C-alpha atoms as a PDB file:
ATOM      1  CA  UNK A   1      41.001  71.228  -4.421  1.00  0.00           C
ATOM      2  CA  UNK A   2      42.285  69.422  -1.318  1.00  0.00           C
ATOM      3  CA  UNK A   3      42.003  68.881   2.411  1.00  0.00           C
ATOM      4  CA  UNK A   4      44.891  69.163   4.797  1.00  0.00           C
ATOM      5  CA  UNK A   5      46.346  70.526   7.992  1.00  0.00           C
ATOM      6  CA  UNK A   6      47.982  73.867   8.705  1.00  0.00           C
ATOM      7  CA  UNK A   7      51.396  73.228  10.222  1.00  0.00           C
ATOM      8  CA  UNK A   8      52.620  75.853  12.693  1.00  0.00           C
ATOM      9  CA  UNK A   9      56.376  76.114  13.174  1.00  0.00           C
ATOM     10  CA  UNK A  10      58.176  78.079  15.851  1.00  0.00           C
ATOM     11  CA  UNK A  11      60.283  80.112  13.427  1.00  0.00           C
ATOM     12  CA  UNK A  12      59.929  83.735  12.357  1.00  0.00           C
ATOM     13  CA  UNK A  13      57.845  83.760   9.197  1.00  0.00           C
ATOM     14  CA  UNK A  14      60.564  85.618   7.287  1.00  0.00           C
ATOM     15  CA  UNK A  15      63.001  82.738   7.982  1.00  0.00           C
ATOM     16  CA  UNK A  16      60.738  79.803   7.096  1.00  0.00           C
ATOM     17  CA  UNK A  17      61.557  77.569   4.150  1.00  0.00           C
ATOM     18  CA  UNK A  18      59.751  74.693   2.478  1.00  0.00           C
ATOM     19  CA  UNK A  19      61.878  72.200   0.579  1.00  0.00           C
ATOM     20  CA  UNK A  20      64.735  74.725   0.777  1.00  0.00           C
ATOM     21  CA  UNK A  21      62.704  77.564  -0.765  1.00  0.00           C
ATOM     22  CA  UNK A  22      61.937  80.674   1.345  1.00  0.00           C
ATOM     23  CA  UNK A  23      58.260  80.907   2.261  1.00  0.00           C
ATOM     24  CA  UNK A  24      56.492  84.239   1.781  1.00  0.00           C
ATOM     25  CA  UNK A  25      54.600  85.687   4.757  1.00  0.00           C
ATOM     26  CA  UNK A  26      51.286  85.601   2.868  1.00  0.00           C
ATOM     27  CA  UNK A  27      51.483  81.807   2.615  1.00  0.00           C
ATOM     28  CA  UNK A  28      50.669  79.081   5.109  1.00  0.00           C
ATOM     29  CA  UNK A  29      52.590  75.837   5.571  1.00  0.00           C
ATOM     30  CA  UNK A  30      50.128  73.019   4.935  1.00  0.00           C
ATOM     31  CA  UNK A  31      50.217  69.260   4.716  1.00  0.00           C
ATOM     32  CA  UNK A  32      47.757  67.897   2.161  1.00  0.00           C
ATOM     33  CA  UNK A  33      45.995  64.791   3.440  1.00  0.00           C
ATOM     34  CA  UNK A  34      43.332  64.267   0.769  1.00  0.00           C
ATOM     35  CA  UNK A  35      42.989  65.399  -2.815  1.00  0.00           C
ATOM     36  CA  UNK A  36      39.597  66.511  -4.077  1.00  0.00           C
ATOM     37  CA  UNK A  37      40.802  67.643  -7.507  1.00  0.00           C
ATOM     38  CA  UNK A  38      43.931  65.507  -7.967  1.00  0.00           C
ATOM     39  CA  UNK A  39      44.943  67.076 -11.293  1.00  0.00           C
ATOM     40  CA  UNK A  40      44.702  70.675 -10.053  1.00  0.00           C
ATOM     41  CA  UNK A  41      47.948  72.615 -10.368  1.00  0.00           C
ATOM     42  CA  UNK A  42      49.412  73.786  -7.080  1.00  0.00           C
ATOM     43  CA  UNK A  43      49.381  77.566  -6.619  1.00  0.00           C
ATOM     44  CA  UNK A  44      53.021  77.344  -5.493  1.00  0.00           C
ATOM     45  CA  UNK A  45      54.687  74.321  -7.129  1.00  0.00           C
ATOM     46  CA  UNK A  46      57.920  72.923  -5.720  1.00  0.00           C
ATOM     47  CA  UNK A  47      60.604  72.731  -8.392  1.00  0.00           C
ATOM     48  CA  UNK A  48      59.611  70.336 -11.176  1.00  0.00           C
ATOM     49  CA  UNK A  49      58.677  67.546  -8.757  1.00  0.00           C
ATOM     50  CA  UNK A  50      55.534  68.626  -6.927  1.00  0.00           C
ATOM     51  CA  UNK A  51      53.250  70.321  -9.445  1.00  0.00           C
ATOM     52  CA  UNK A  52      49.779  68.889  -8.822  1.00  0.00           C
ATOM     53  CA  UNK A  53      47.640  68.351  -5.725  1.00  0.00           C
ATOM     54  CA  UNK A  54      48.108  64.572  -6.113  1.00  0.00           C
ATOM     55  CA  UNK A  55      51.902  65.026  -5.911  1.00  0.00           C
ATOM     56  CA  UNK A  56      51.699  66.944  -2.632  1.00  0.00           C
ATOM     57  CA  UNK A  57      49.824  64.379  -0.519  1.00  0.00           C
ATOM     58  CA  UNK A  58      51.854  63.636   2.604  1.00  0.00           C
ATOM     59  CA  UNK A  59      54.300  66.527   2.261  1.00  0.00           C
ATOM     60  CA  UNK A  60      54.394  70.143   3.413  1.00  0.00           C
ATOM     61  CA  UNK A  61      53.833  72.856   0.842  1.00  0.00           C
ATOM     62  CA  UNK A  62      53.203  76.598   0.809  1.00  0.00           C
ATOM     63  CA  UNK A  63      49.589  77.620   0.155  1.00  0.00           C
ATOM     64  CA  UNK A  64      48.173  81.170  -0.084  1.00  0.00           C
ATOM     65  CA  UNK A  65      46.481  82.017   3.236  1.00  0.00           C
ATOM     66  CA  UNK A  66      43.630  83.670   1.315  1.00  0.00           C
ATOM     67  CA  UNK A  67      42.818  80.285  -0.247  1.00  0.00           C
ATOM     68  CA  UNK A  68      42.564  78.413   3.087  1.00  0.00           C
ATOM     69  CA  UNK A  69      39.119  77.609   4.481  1.00  0.00           C
ATOM     70  CA  UNK A  70      39.347  76.572   8.119  1.00  0.00           C
ATOM     71  CA  UNK A  71      37.088  73.795   9.323  1.00  0.00           C
ATOM     72  CA  UNK A  72      38.296  73.965  12.937  1.00  0.00           C
ATOM     73  CA  UNK A  73      36.059  75.629  15.521  1.00  0.00           C
ATOM     74  CA  UNK A  74      39.042  77.034  17.431  1.00  0.00           C
ATOM     75  CA  UNK A  75      41.320  79.364  15.451  1.00  0.00           C
ATOM     76  CA  UNK A  76      44.082  79.037  18.083  1.00  0.00           C
ATOM     77  CA  UNK A  77      44.860  75.338  17.712  1.00  0.00           C
ATOM     78  CA  UNK A  78      48.386  74.363  16.678  1.00  0.00           C
ATOM     79  CA  UNK A  79      47.264  72.293  13.714  1.00  0.00           C
ATOM     80  CA  UNK A  80      43.798  72.346  12.278  1.00  0.00           C
ATOM     81  CA  UNK A  81      41.886  70.712   9.483  1.00  0.00           C
ATOM     82  CA  UNK A  82      41.418  72.875   6.436  1.00  0.00           C
ATOM     83  CA  UNK A  83      39.995  72.826   2.937  1.00  0.00           C
ATOM     84  CA  UNK A  84      42.223  74.170   0.210  1.00  0.00           C
END
């Protein structure tokens, strides 16, 4: 659906928010950099503004960790390229 970067923040996962909405622990904070399927609905839309992959380019969103495919060789990097 998209390519992006996992964004690590130094905040307890139970206190993280994205666009003012609490982020569940099973989700990752990602920044979408490229859409592959622009009209795909986001698994976790943000209000009525960010509904599709194309709307999320350049912003941080929550994405289910189970749906993230890492393309980085090192799993311990602070931000890594991913396929969503």
